[in-house]
Amino acid sequence: MKLLVVAVGQRQPAWADQAWADFAKRFPPEMRLELKALKAEPRSGKSAEQCMAAEARRIDAALPKGARRVLLDEHGSRLSSAQLAERLGFWRGDGRDVALLIGGPDGLDPS
């Protein structure tokens, strides 16, 4: 199973990229952790809805076929570390890749 984090935003500083690389090494080979950073849509002259829709298309294009989509949103359910570990165990048994989606400055497109 691949655990993919798809995040919309700006380029991170080198120290953040290094911290990510160090963190990703801790995952077992059967659960590879990968980051796909996507550029945020330029905001000039566009509504938040237009920007989120464009970012949603980028997210869709970045996902492996059949991946389980998990939206990380401030309005979603809160899980403890133990609950997240339990969920990851279930997902691993499911056999599909898991994509954790993080939206841009305006959040994730409702669709």
C-alpha atoms as a PDB file:
ATOM      1  CA  MET A   1       0.000   0.000   0.000  1.00  0.00           C
ATOM      2  CA  LYS A   2       1.171   3.487  -0.781  1.00  0.00           C
ATOM      3  CA  LEU A   3       0.205   6.313   1.558  1.00  0.00           C
ATOM      4  CA  LEU A   4       0.165   9.449  -0.555  1.00  0.00           C
ATOM      5  CA  VAL A   5      -0.139  12.984   0.803  1.00  0.00           C
ATOM      6  CA  VAL A   6      -1.387  15.360  -1.900  1.00  0.00           C
ATOM      7  CA  ALA A   7      -1.065  18.952  -0.735  1.00  0.00           C
ATOM      8  CA  VAL A   8      -1.890  22.186  -2.548  1.00  0.00           C
ATOM      9  CA  GLY A   9       0.264  25.129  -1.582  1.00  0.00           C
ATOM     10  CA  GLN A  10       3.482  27.015  -1.997  1.00  0.00           C
ATOM     11  CA  ARG A  11       6.978  25.562  -2.179  1.00  0.00           C
ATOM     12  CA  GLN A  12       8.349  24.606   1.222  1.00  0.00           C
ATOM     13  CA  PRO A  13      11.761  25.702   2.500  1.00  0.00           C
ATOM     14  CA  ALA A  14      14.620  23.205   2.269  1.00  0.00           C
ATOM     15  CA  TRP A  15      14.482  22.408   6.000  1.00  0.00           C
ATOM     16  CA  ALA A  16      10.813  21.348   5.670  1.00  0.00           C
ATOM     17  CA  ASP A  17      11.632  19.129   2.674  1.00  0.00           C
ATOM     18  CA  GLN A  18      14.439  17.510   4.697  1.00  0.00           C
ATOM     19  CA  ALA A  19      12.152  16.971   7.684  1.00  0.00           C
ATOM     20  CA  TRP A  20       9.614  15.281   5.382  1.00  0.00           C
ATOM     21  CA  ALA A  21      12.293  13.022   3.890  1.00  0.00           C
ATOM     22  CA  ASP A  22      13.472  11.992   7.362  1.00  0.00           C
ATOM     23  CA  PHE A  23       9.890  11.300   8.489  1.00  0.00           C
ATOM     24  CA  ALA A  24       9.039   9.271   5.359  1.00  0.00           C
ATOM     25  CA  LYS A  25      12.013   6.942   6.010  1.00  0.00           C
ATOM     26  CA  ARG A  26      10.316   5.742   9.210  1.00  0.00           C
ATOM     27  CA  PHE A  27       7.501   4.042   7.336  1.00  0.00           C
ATOM     28  CA  PRO A  28       7.758   0.324   6.583  1.00  0.00           C
ATOM     29  CA  PRO A  29       8.379  -0.737   2.969  1.00  0.00           C
ATOM     30  CA  GLU A  30       4.874  -2.189   2.703  1.00  0.00           C
ATOM     31  CA  MET A  31       3.424   1.278   3.477  1.00  0.00           C
ATOM     32  CA  ARG A  32       5.473   3.768   1.499  1.00  0.00           C
ATOM     33  CA  LEU A  33       4.826   7.424   2.307  1.00  0.00           C
ATOM     34  CA  GLU A  34       4.983   9.803  -0.619  1.00  0.00           C
ATOM     35  CA  LEU A  35       4.324  13.543  -0.974  1.00  0.00           C
ATOM     36  CA  LYS A  36       2.895  15.164  -4.076  1.00  0.00           C
ATOM     37  CA  ALA A  37       2.999  18.927  -3.694  1.00  0.00           C
ATOM     38  CA  LEU A  38       0.771  20.776  -6.149  1.00  0.00           C
ATOM     39  CA  LYS A  39       0.888  24.466  -6.957  1.00  0.00           C
ATOM     40  CA  ALA A  40      -1.969  26.584  -5.728  1.00  0.00           C
ATOM     41  CA  GLU A  41      -4.062  28.245  -8.419  1.00  0.00           C
ATOM     42  CA  PRO A  42      -3.073  31.900  -8.957  1.00  0.00           C
ATOM     43  CA  ARG A  43      -5.673  34.031  -7.166  1.00  0.00           C
ATOM     44  CA  SER A  44      -5.574  37.130  -9.408  1.00  0.00           C
ATOM     45  CA  GLY A  45      -9.053  37.877 -10.775  1.00  0.00           C
ATOM     46  CA  LYS A  46     -10.541  34.487  -9.847  1.00  0.00           C
ATOM     47  CA  SER A  47     -13.118  33.555  -7.251  1.00  0.00           C
ATOM     48  CA  ALA A  48     -12.323  31.103  -4.486  1.00  0.00           C
ATOM     49  CA  GLU A  49     -14.689  28.607  -6.155  1.00  0.00           C
ATOM     50  CA  GLN A  50     -12.819  28.856  -9.470  1.00  0.00           C
ATOM     51  CA  CYS A  51      -9.478  28.355  -7.738  1.00  0.00           C
ATOM     52  CA  MET A  52     -10.694  25.351  -5.751  1.00  0.00           C
ATOM     53  CA  ALA A  53     -12.180  23.773  -8.898  1.00  0.00           C
ATOM     54  CA  ALA A  54      -8.859  24.163 -10.760  1.00  0.00           C
ATOM     55  CA  GLU A  55      -6.968  22.696  -7.799  1.00  0.00           C
ATOM     56  CA  ALA A  56      -9.450  19.786  -7.645  1.00  0.00           C
ATOM     57  CA  ARG A  57      -8.602  18.930 -11.254  1.00  0.00           C
ATOM     58  CA  ARG A  58      -4.880  18.921 -10.358  1.00  0.00           C
ATOM     59  CA  ILE A  59      -5.544  16.703  -7.361  1.00  0.00           C
ATOM     60  CA  ASP A  60      -7.572  14.240  -9.463  1.00  0.00           C
ATOM     61  CA  ALA A  61      -4.761  14.056 -12.027  1.00  0.00           C
ATOM     62  CA  ALA A  62      -2.188  13.337  -9.289  1.00  0.00           C
ATOM     63  CA  LEU A  63      -4.045  10.397  -7.734  1.00  0.00           C
ATOM     64  CA  PRO A  64      -3.419   6.750  -8.572  1.00  0.00           C
ATOM     65  CA  LYS A  65      -6.423   5.007 -10.072  1.00  0.00           C
ATOM     66  CA  GLY A  66      -8.656   3.481  -7.408  1.00  0.00           C
ATOM     67  CA  ALA A  67      -6.982   5.237  -4.473  1.00  0.00           C
ATOM     68  CA  ARG A  68      -9.038   5.776  -1.333  1.00  0.00           C
ATOM     69  CA  ARG A  69      -9.478   9.534  -0.832  1.00  0.00           C
ATOM     70  CA  VAL A  70      -9.215  10.906   2.687  1.00  0.00           C
ATOM     71  CA  LEU A  71      -9.952  14.620   2.956  1.00  0.00           C
ATOM     72  CA  LEU A  72      -8.079  16.453   5.696  1.00  0.00           C
ATOM     73  CA  ASP A  73     -10.291  19.359   6.651  1.00  0.00           C
ATOM     74  CA  GLU A  74     -10.763  21.476   9.746  1.00  0.00           C
ATOM     75  CA  HIS A  75     -14.473  20.590   9.769  1.00  0.00           C
ATOM     76  CA  GLY A  76     -13.940  16.832   9.557  1.00  0.00           C
ATOM     77  CA  SER A  77     -13.782  14.170  12.246  1.00  0.00           C
ATOM     78  CA  ARG A  78     -10.962  14.320  14.761  1.00  0.00           C
ATOM     79  CA  LEU A  79      -9.078  11.080  15.331  1.00  0.00           C
ATOM     80  CA  SER A  80      -6.659  10.191  18.074  1.00  0.00           C
ATOM     81  CA  SER A  81      -3.329   8.611  17.127  1.00  0.00           C
ATOM     82  CA  ALA A  82      -4.705   5.209  18.168  1.00  0.00           C
ATOM     83  CA  GLN A  83      -7.817   5.695  16.036  1.00  0.00           C
ATOM     84  CA  LEU A  84      -5.720   6.742  13.037  1.00  0.00           C
ATOM     85  CA  ALA A  85      -3.465   3.693  13.477  1.00  0.00           C
ATOM     86  CA  GLU A  86      -6.547   1.460  13.584  1.00  0.00           C
ATOM     87  CA  ARG A  87      -7.907   3.065  10.428  1.00  0.00           C
ATOM     88  CA  LEU A  88      -4.553   2.670   8.653  1.00  0.00           C
ATOM     89  CA  GLY A  89      -4.551  -1.008   9.584  1.00  0.00           C
ATOM     90  CA  PHE A  90      -7.991  -1.436   8.059  1.00  0.00           C
ATOM     91  CA  TRP A  91      -6.955   0.429   4.914  1.00  0.00           C
ATOM     92  CA  ARG A  92      -3.814  -1.692   4.591  1.00  0.00           C
ATOM     93  CA  GLY A  93      -5.999  -4.794   4.651  1.00  0.00           C
ATOM     94  CA  ASP A  94      -8.162  -3.261   1.927  1.00  0.00           C
ATOM     95  CA  GLY A  95      -5.160  -3.300  -0.410  1.00  0.00           C
ATOM     96  CA  ARG A  96      -5.828   0.059  -2.066  1.00  0.00           C
ATOM     97  CA  ASP A  97      -3.504   3.051  -2.028  1.00  0.00           C
ATOM     98  CA  VAL A  98      -4.620   5.832   0.322  1.00  0.00           C
ATOM     99  CA  ALA A  99      -4.439   9.507  -0.647  1.00  0.00           C
ATOM    100  CA  LEU A 100      -4.595  12.121   2.118  1.00  0.00           C
ATOM    101  CA  LEU A 101      -5.801  15.341   0.479  1.00  0.00           C
ATOM    102  CA  ILE A 102      -4.914  18.813   1.753  1.00  0.00           C
ATOM    103  CA  GLY A 103      -6.451  21.786  -0.027  1.00  0.00           C
ATOM    104  CA  GLY A 104      -4.994  25.173  -0.827  1.00  0.00           C
ATOM    105  CA  PRO A 105      -5.622  28.535   0.845  1.00  0.00           C
ATOM    106  CA  ASP A 106      -9.373  28.314   0.224  1.00  0.00           C
ATOM    107  CA  GLY A 107      -9.714  24.645   1.181  1.00  0.00           C
ATOM    108  CA  LEU A 108     -10.924  21.725  -0.911  1.00  0.00           C
ATOM    109  CA  ASP A 109     -13.524  21.926  -3.657  1.00  0.00           C
ATOM    110  CA  PRO A 110     -16.854  20.524  -2.369  1.00  0.00           C
ATOM    111  CA  SER A 111     -17.058  18.119  -5.300  1.00  0.00           C
END
